[in-house]
Amino acid sequence: MSLKSLFSLSALMMAALIFAGPAMAIDEEGLIPIKSYEGKKEYSYWILNPEELVTCLGLGGDMLSLRQDIPRNEKKLADLKDKIKMLGAAIEKKRAQEKLDQADLDMINNAVKTFNQLNASHATLTTKYNGQVEKLNESLEIYNNKCAGKKFYQEDYNAMMKGRSN
């Protein structure tokens, strides 16, 4: 990894800490800090102005958060699915018994209520998860189109960070 890439990585990691908590990992396609020449700056498609820099760093923070939440929710969904499957099998096994007394029926009814609650929780979490995946995909598309591989003036970044600390 080049010195330029390491500098880019450290600058974005600092920004990620400020905007989104833990540092995010970026690749060679991340933002690239540059210095102005004798204080003169020219902004272009390839050089982000301060407003665009804030937007890009914010998107990076959003994506970091989503990249942490999505796997946690995948695990929760898998755990819920396993519980639903096991409880459904237990209900069917109990229903298959030839003689059921009132206590058995009450137990089945309570298990069915729990089964239904787990299914409702799974449906709610699935909706949330799908929304997070969609949001991450949208953010990645915007980031890739507007931010990835672009340069920014280190002075703009420093001024932005100084403004945040005041």
Protein backbone atom coordinates (compact mmCIF):
# COMPACT_ATOMS: atom_id res chain seq x y z
CA MET A 1 0.00 0.00 0.00
CA SER A 2 1.41 3.39 -0.95
CA LEU A 3 2.02 6.26 1.47
CA LYS A 4 -0.76 8.17 -0.31
CA SER A 5 -3.19 5.29 0.34
CA LEU A 6 -2.16 5.06 3.97
CA PHE A 7 -2.71 8.80 4.40
CA SER A 8 -6.12 8.50 2.73
CA LEU A 9 -6.98 5.58 4.96
CA SER A 10 -6.03 7.41 8.16
CA ALA A 11 -7.94 10.57 7.17
CA LEU A 12 -11.10 8.65 6.42
CA MET A 13 -10.78 6.54 9.53
CA MET A 14 -10.58 9.76 11.57
CA ALA A 15 -13.66 11.08 9.82
CA ALA A 16 -15.49 7.82 10.38
CA LEU A 17 -14.72 8.02 14.09
CA ILE A 18 -16.13 11.52 14.26
CA PHE A 19 -19.19 10.87 12.10
CA ALA A 20 -20.04 7.27 12.87
CA GLY A 21 -18.13 5.86 15.82
CA PRO A 22 -15.70 3.01 15.09
CA ALA A 23 -13.36 3.44 12.14
CA MET A 24 -14.43 2.09 8.77
CA ALA A 25 -12.19 0.12 6.49
CA ILE A 26 -11.77 1.57 3.02
CA ASP A 27 -9.97 0.25 -0.03
CA GLU A 28 -7.82 1.89 -2.66
CA GLU A 29 -10.97 3.41 -4.19
CA GLY A 30 -11.52 5.68 -1.15
CA LEU A 31 -11.12 9.43 -0.96
CA ILE A 32 -7.66 10.87 -1.57
CA PRO A 33 -6.38 13.88 0.41
CA ILE A 34 -4.38 16.52 -1.49
CA LYS A 35 -2.85 19.88 -0.55
CA SER A 36 -3.57 23.16 -2.25
CA TYR A 37 -0.78 24.84 -4.19
CA GLU A 38 0.18 28.11 -2.50
CA GLY A 39 -3.26 28.25 -0.91
CA LYS A 40 -5.04 28.09 -4.28
CA LYS A 41 -7.77 25.50 -4.72
CA GLU A 42 -9.70 24.48 -7.78
CA TYR A 43 -12.69 22.22 -7.45
CA SER A 44 -13.76 19.90 -10.23
CA TYR A 45 -15.51 16.61 -10.85
CA TRP A 46 -12.48 14.84 -9.40
CA ILE A 47 -11.90 17.22 -6.46
CA LEU A 48 -14.63 17.45 -3.84
CA ASN A 49 -15.68 20.82 -2.49
CA PRO A 50 -16.26 21.06 1.29
CA GLU A 51 -19.99 20.36 1.00
CA GLU A 52 -19.38 17.27 -1.12
CA LEU A 53 -16.70 16.12 1.32
CA VAL A 54 -19.17 16.32 4.22
CA THR A 55 -21.70 14.35 2.16
CA CYS A 56 -19.17 11.66 1.29
CA LEU A 57 -17.95 11.30 4.86
CA GLY A 58 -21.56 11.10 6.06
CA LEU A 59 -22.33 8.38 3.53
CA GLY A 60 -19.27 6.50 4.75
CA GLY A 61 -20.58 6.67 8.31
CA ASP A 62 -24.03 5.52 7.24
CA MET A 63 -22.56 2.59 5.34
CA LEU A 64 -20.39 1.61 8.30
CA SER A 65 -23.41 1.53 10.59
CA LEU A 66 -25.44 -0.52 8.13
CA ARG A 67 -22.54 -2.92 7.54
CA GLN A 68 -22.54 -3.58 11.28
CA ASP A 69 -26.32 -3.84 11.70
CA ILE A 70 -27.07 -6.08 8.72
CA PRO A 71 -25.03 -9.10 9.89
CA ARG A 72 -26.47 -8.77 13.41
CA ASN A 73 -29.98 -8.81 11.98
CA GLU A 74 -29.14 -11.75 9.71
CA LYS A 75 -28.13 -13.68 12.83
CA LYS A 76 -31.30 -12.64 14.66
CA LEU A 77 -33.42 -13.73 11.68
CA ALA A 78 -31.66 -17.11 11.51
CA ASP A 79 -32.14 -17.61 15.27
CA LEU A 80 -35.82 -16.70 15.04
CA LYS A 81 -36.27 -19.05 12.09
CA ASP A 82 -34.69 -21.90 14.07
CA LYS A 83 -36.92 -21.20 17.10
CA ILE A 84 -40.02 -21.08 14.89
CA LYS A 85 -39.08 -24.35 13.22
CA MET A 86 -38.39 -26.14 16.53
CA LEU A 87 -41.53 -24.80 18.19
CA GLY A 88 -43.65 -25.74 15.16
CA ALA A 89 -42.29 -29.28 15.25
CA ALA A 90 -42.95 -29.53 19.00
CA ILE A 91 -46.54 -28.32 18.52
CA GLU A 92 -47.18 -30.84 15.75
CA LYS A 93 -45.65 -33.65 17.81
CA LYS A 94 -47.87 -32.78 20.79
CA ARG A 95 -50.98 -32.51 18.58
CA ALA A 96 -50.24 -35.96 17.16
CA GLN A 97 -50.61 -37.61 20.56
CA GLU A 98 -53.74 -39.75 20.81
CA LYS A 99 -54.93 -38.63 24.21
CA LEU A 100 -54.73 -34.99 25.15
CA ASP A 101 -56.04 -33.63 28.43
CA GLN A 102 -56.83 -30.01 29.23
CA ALA A 103 -53.28 -29.30 30.40
CA ASP A 104 -51.95 -30.58 27.06
CA LEU A 105 -54.42 -28.40 25.15
CA ASP A 106 -53.49 -25.35 27.26
CA MET A 107 -49.81 -26.03 26.59
CA ILE A 108 -50.46 -26.33 22.84
CA ASN A 109 -52.49 -23.09 22.85
CA ASN A 110 -49.72 -21.23 24.69
CA ALA A 111 -47.13 -22.66 22.31
CA VAL A 112 -49.22 -21.54 19.31
CA LYS A 113 -49.41 -18.00 20.76
CA THR A 114 -45.64 -17.96 21.17
CA PHE A 115 -45.24 -19.41 17.66
CA ASN A 116 -47.40 -16.61 16.24
CA GLN A 117 -45.46 -13.96 18.19
CA LEU A 118 -42.17 -15.32 16.88
CA ASN A 119 -43.53 -15.25 13.32
CA ALA A 120 -44.66 -11.64 13.78
CA SER A 121 -41.22 -10.70 15.15
CA HIS A 122 -39.58 -12.45 12.21
CA ALA A 123 -41.77 -10.56 9.74
CA THR A 124 -41.02 -7.21 11.41
CA LEU A 125 -37.28 -7.88 11.51
CA THR A 126 -37.33 -9.08 7.88
CA THR A 127 -38.90 -5.78 6.82
CA LYS A 128 -36.28 -3.84 8.79
CA TYR A 129 -33.46 -5.99 7.39
CA ASN A 130 -34.67 -5.58 3.79
CA GLY A 131 -34.84 -1.80 4.32
CA GLN A 132 -31.28 -1.77 5.65
CA VAL A 133 -29.99 -3.77 2.69
CA GLU A 134 -31.81 -1.44 0.28
CA LYS A 135 -30.44 1.64 2.08
CA LEU A 136 -26.89 0.21 2.00
CA ASN A 137 -27.17 -0.53 -1.72
CA GLU A 138 -28.46 3.00 -2.40
CA SER A 139 -25.69 4.54 -0.28
CA LEU A 140 -23.04 2.43 -2.00
CA GLU A 141 -24.32 3.49 -5.42
CA ILE A 142 -24.26 7.17 -4.44
CA TYR A 143 -20.83 6.81 -2.81
CA ASN A 144 -19.39 4.99 -5.81
CA ASN A 145 -20.79 7.60 -8.21
CA LYS A 146 -20.01 10.75 -6.21
CA CYS A 147 -17.16 9.94 -3.85
CA ALA A 148 -15.02 6.89 -4.58
CA GLY A 149 -11.61 7.69 -6.02
CA LYS A 150 -12.11 11.44 -5.71
CA LYS A 151 -9.72 13.87 -4.09
CA PHE A 152 -10.30 16.48 -1.43
CA TYR A 153 -8.18 19.28 -0.05
CA GLN A 154 -6.66 18.39 3.27
CA GLU A 155 -7.17 22.02 4.34
CA ASP A 156 -10.94 21.65 3.79
CA TYR A 157 -10.97 18.50 5.87
CA ASN A 158 -8.94 20.12 8.64
CA ALA A 159 -11.22 23.18 8.68
CA MET A 160 -14.27 20.92 8.85
CA MET A 161 -12.78 18.96 11.77
CA LYS A 162 -11.77 22.16 13.55
CA GLY A 163 -15.33 23.47 13.15
CA ARG A 164 -16.74 20.26 14.64
CA SER A 165 -14.50 20.52 17.71
CA ASN A 166 -15.54 24.09 18.54
